[in-house]
C-alpha atoms as a PDB file:
ATOM      1  CA  GLN A   1    -167.674  96.966 142.233  1.00  0.00           C
ATOM      2  CA  VAL A   2    -165.655  94.422 143.709  1.00  0.00           C
ATOM      3  CA  GLN A   3    -163.596  94.216 146.995  1.00  0.00           C
ATOM      4  CA  LEU A   4    -159.841  94.200 146.213  1.00  0.00           C
ATOM      5  CA  VAL A   5    -156.688  93.122 148.526  1.00  0.00           C
ATOM      6  CA  GLU A   6    -153.370  93.331 147.612  1.00  0.00           C
ATOM      7  CA  SER A   7    -150.779  91.547 149.280  1.00  0.00           C
ATOM      8  CA  GLY A   8    -146.668  90.867 148.739  1.00  0.00           C
ATOM      9  CA  GLY A   9    -145.670  94.093 149.310  1.00  0.00           C
ATOM     10  CA  GLY A  10    -142.085  94.636 151.331  1.00  0.00           C
ATOM     11  CA  LEU A  11    -138.449  95.383 151.551  1.00  0.00           C
ATOM     12  CA  VAL A  12    -135.949  94.574 148.353  1.00  0.00           C
ATOM     13  CA  GLN A  13    -132.757  95.773 147.453  1.00  0.00           C
ATOM     14  CA  ALA A  14    -132.297  97.254 143.974  1.00  0.00           C
ATOM     15  CA  GLY A  15    -131.944  94.329 141.277  1.00  0.00           C
ATOM     16  CA  GLY A  16    -134.482  92.079 143.404  1.00  0.00           C
ATOM     17  CA  SER A  17    -137.846  90.767 142.575  1.00  0.00           C
ATOM     18  CA  LEU A  18    -141.357  91.072 144.264  1.00  0.00           C
ATOM     19  CA  ARG A  19    -144.563  89.611 142.850  1.00  0.00           C
ATOM     20  CA  LEU A  20    -147.686  91.385 144.365  1.00  0.00           C
ATOM     21  CA  SER A  21    -151.520  89.942 144.214  1.00  0.00           C
ATOM     22  CA  CYS A  22    -154.458  91.305 144.525  1.00  0.00           C
ATOM     23  CA  ALA A  23    -157.739  88.814 145.217  1.00  0.00           C
ATOM     24  CA  ALA A  24    -161.330  90.195 144.421  1.00  0.00           C
ATOM     25  CA  SER A  25    -164.096  89.050 146.003  1.00  0.00           C
ATOM     26  CA  GLY A  26    -167.493  87.982 143.957  1.00  0.00           C
ATOM     27  CA  ARG A  27    -168.053  85.895 141.091  1.00  0.00           C
ATOM     28  CA  THR A  28    -167.948  88.544 138.326  1.00  0.00           C
ATOM     29  CA  PHE A  29    -164.100  88.689 138.149  1.00  0.00           C
ATOM     30  CA  GLY A  30    -163.784  87.790 134.754  1.00  0.00           C
ATOM     31  CA  SER A  31    -165.756  90.473 133.472  1.00  0.00           C
ATOM     32  CA  TYR A  32    -163.241  92.992 134.867  1.00  0.00           C
ATOM     33  CA  ALA A  33    -160.415  94.495 133.865  1.00  0.00           C
ATOM     34  CA  MET A  34    -157.862  94.782 135.972  1.00  0.00           C
ATOM     35  CA  GLY A  35    -155.039  97.515 136.574  1.00  0.00           C
ATOM     36  CA  TRP A  36    -152.096  97.979 138.782  1.00  0.00           C
ATOM     37  CA  PHE A  37    -151.106 101.715 139.794  1.00  0.00           C
ATOM     38  CA  ARG A  38    -148.420 103.304 142.318  1.00  0.00           C
ATOM     39  CA  GLN A  39    -148.079 106.190 144.203  1.00  0.00           C
ATOM     40  CA  ALA A  40    -144.423 107.559 145.318  1.00  0.00           C
ATOM     41  CA  PRO A  41    -144.857 109.999 148.183  1.00  0.00           C
ATOM     42  CA  GLY A  42    -145.419 113.640 146.702  1.00  0.00           C
ATOM     43  CA  LYS A  43    -146.281 112.407 143.634  1.00  0.00           C
ATOM     44  CA  GLU A  44    -149.079 112.019 141.500  1.00  0.00           C
ATOM     45  CA  ARG A  45    -151.171 108.080 141.665  1.00  0.00           C
ATOM     46  CA  GLU A  46    -149.869 106.795 138.036  1.00  0.00           C
ATOM     47  CA  PHE A  47    -150.423 103.810 136.011  1.00  0.00           C
ATOM     48  CA  VAL A  48    -148.264 100.744 136.202  1.00  0.00           C
ATOM     49  CA  ALA A  49    -150.216  97.910 134.104  1.00  0.00           C
ATOM     50  CA  ALA A  50    -153.011  96.342 133.135  1.00  0.00           C
ATOM     51  CA  ILE A  51    -154.957  93.279 131.620  1.00  0.00           C
ATOM     52  CA  SER A  52    -157.943  92.550 130.092  1.00  0.00           C
ATOM     53  CA  ARG A  53    -160.637  90.720 131.212  1.00  0.00           C
ATOM     54  CA  SER A  54    -159.309  87.650 129.450  1.00  0.00           C
ATOM     55  CA  GLY A  55    -155.973  88.284 130.073  1.00  0.00           C
ATOM     56  CA  GLY A  56    -155.336  88.250 126.453  1.00  0.00           C
ATOM     57  CA  SER A  57    -154.247  91.744 126.468  1.00  0.00           C
ATOM     58  CA  THR A  58    -151.716  93.747 128.429  1.00  0.00           C
ATOM     59  CA  TYR A  59    -149.981  96.951 128.779  1.00  0.00           C
ATOM     60  CA  TYR A  60    -147.435  98.547 130.360  1.00  0.00           C
ATOM     61  CA  ASP A  61    -146.156 102.018 131.323  1.00  0.00           C
ATOM     62  CA  ASP A  62    -142.776 102.736 129.675  1.00  0.00           C
ATOM     63  CA  SER A  63    -140.900 103.126 132.824  1.00  0.00           C
ATOM     64  CA  VAL A  64    -141.911  99.063 133.747  1.00  0.00           C
ATOM     65  CA  LYS A  65    -141.651  97.483 130.486  1.00  0.00           C
ATOM     66  CA  GLY A  66    -139.187  94.825 130.213  1.00  0.00           C
ATOM     67  CA  ARG A  67    -139.339  94.347 134.024  1.00  0.00           C
ATOM     68  CA  PHE A  68    -142.775  93.989 135.153  1.00  0.00           C
ATOM     69  CA  THR A  69    -145.635  91.229 134.123  1.00  0.00           C
ATOM     70  CA  ILE A  70    -149.262  91.688 134.653  1.00  0.00           C
ATOM     71  CA  SER A  71    -151.271  88.262 134.382  1.00  0.00           C
ATOM     72  CA  ARG A  72    -154.541  87.047 136.176  1.00  0.00           C
ATOM     73  CA  ASP A  73    -156.169  83.616 137.043  1.00  0.00           C
ATOM     74  CA  ASN A  74    -159.746  84.136 136.797  1.00  0.00           C
ATOM     75  CA  ALA A  75    -160.428  80.834 138.637  1.00  0.00           C
ATOM     76  CA  LYS A  76    -158.478  82.013 141.585  1.00  0.00           C
ATOM     77  CA  ASN A  77    -160.042  85.893 141.461  1.00  0.00           C
ATOM     78  CA  THR A  78    -156.931  87.100 141.246  1.00  0.00           C
ATOM     79  CA  VAL A  79    -154.256  89.301 139.884  1.00  0.00           C
ATOM     80  CA  TYR A  80    -150.668  89.305 140.080  1.00  0.00           C
ATOM     81  CA  LEU A  81    -147.537  91.826 138.969  1.00  0.00           C
ATOM     82  CA  GLN A  82    -144.723  90.337 138.583  1.00  0.00           C
ATOM     83  CA  MET A  83    -141.779  93.163 139.638  1.00  0.00           C
ATOM     84  CA  ASN A  84    -138.161  91.901 138.553  1.00  0.00           C
ATOM     85  CA  SER A  85    -135.244  94.062 138.023  1.00  0.00           C
ATOM     86  CA  LEU A  86    -136.313  96.706 140.882  1.00  0.00           C
ATOM     87  CA  LYS A  87    -134.962 100.221 141.064  1.00  0.00           C
ATOM     88  CA  PRO A  88    -135.214 102.651 143.946  1.00  0.00           C
ATOM     89  CA  GLU A  89    -137.603 104.893 141.823  1.00  0.00           C
ATOM     90  CA  ASP A  90    -140.591 101.884 141.966  1.00  0.00           C
ATOM     91  CA  THR A  91    -140.586 102.406 145.626  1.00  0.00           C
ATOM     92  CA  ALA A  92    -144.015 103.388 145.889  1.00  0.00           C
ATOM     93  CA  VAL A  93    -147.290 102.054 147.461  1.00  0.00           C
ATOM     94  CA  TYR A  94    -148.922 100.000 144.548  1.00  0.00           C
ATOM     95  CA  TYR A  95    -152.293  99.902 144.168  1.00  0.00           C
ATOM     96  CA  CYS A  96    -155.009  97.412 142.316  1.00  0.00           C
ATOM     97  CA  ALA A  97    -157.758  98.490 140.446  1.00  0.00           C
ATOM     98  CA  ALA A  98    -160.891  96.918 138.831  1.00  0.00           C
ATOM     99  CA  ARG A  99    -162.882  98.515 135.851  1.00  0.00           C
ATOM    100  CA  PRO A 100    -166.143  97.519 134.069  1.00  0.00           C
ATOM    101  CA  SER A 101    -165.837  97.294 130.071  1.00  0.00           C
ATOM    102  CA  ASP A 102    -165.533 100.577 128.659  1.00  0.00           C
ATOM    103  CA  ARG A 103    -166.025 102.397 132.019  1.00  0.00           C
ATOM    104  CA  PRO A 104    -163.514 103.978 134.185  1.00  0.00           C
ATOM    105  CA  TYR A 105    -161.797 102.095 137.207  1.00  0.00           C
ATOM    106  CA  ASP A 106    -164.206 102.156 140.177  1.00  0.00           C
ATOM    107  CA  SER A 107    -162.744  99.518 142.566  1.00  0.00           C
ATOM    108  CA  TRP A 108    -159.365 100.183 144.364  1.00  0.00           C
ATOM    109  CA  GLY A 109    -157.832  98.391 146.868  1.00  0.00           C
ATOM    110  CA  GLN A 110    -156.301  99.522 149.934  1.00  0.00           C
ATOM    111  CA  GLY A 111    -152.775  99.289 148.396  1.00  0.00           C
ATOM    112  CA  THR A 112    -149.471  97.627 149.311  1.00  0.00           C
ATOM    113  CA  GLN A 113    -146.130  99.356 149.993  1.00  0.00           C
ATOM    114  CA  VAL A 114    -143.133  98.386 147.867  1.00  0.00           C
ATOM    115  CA  THR A 115    -139.532  99.803 149.028  1.00  0.00           C
ATOM    116  CA  VAL A 116    -136.383  99.414 147.022  1.00  0.00           C
ATOM    117  CA  SER A 117    -132.947 100.331 148.833  1.00  0.00           C
ATOM    118  CA  SER A 118    -130.462 101.417 146.660  1.00  0.00           C
END
């Protein structure tokens, strides 16, 4: 497992942008696929985006496709989530997660709050 720490959340008006960062500990960051998830009050945690170990493949939930971009810098042990054209329904606690190849996500950060006002 790796230790993950998210940052970059905050309060933003609808239509605005935020960039979330997730810093990972350890020397094996490049061996983990990474994902972003979110959980709104009273709702289940849901998938937002994922990126392969090399960064060559990315995946998005339909609700964020075209607005959010996931990326990673393996030299900095960091994964990012650029969020543009934010909507009030994007309000949630955002979590990053790591999974070893072909296995479920097994490391989670503590989450960072994103609040989008209308």
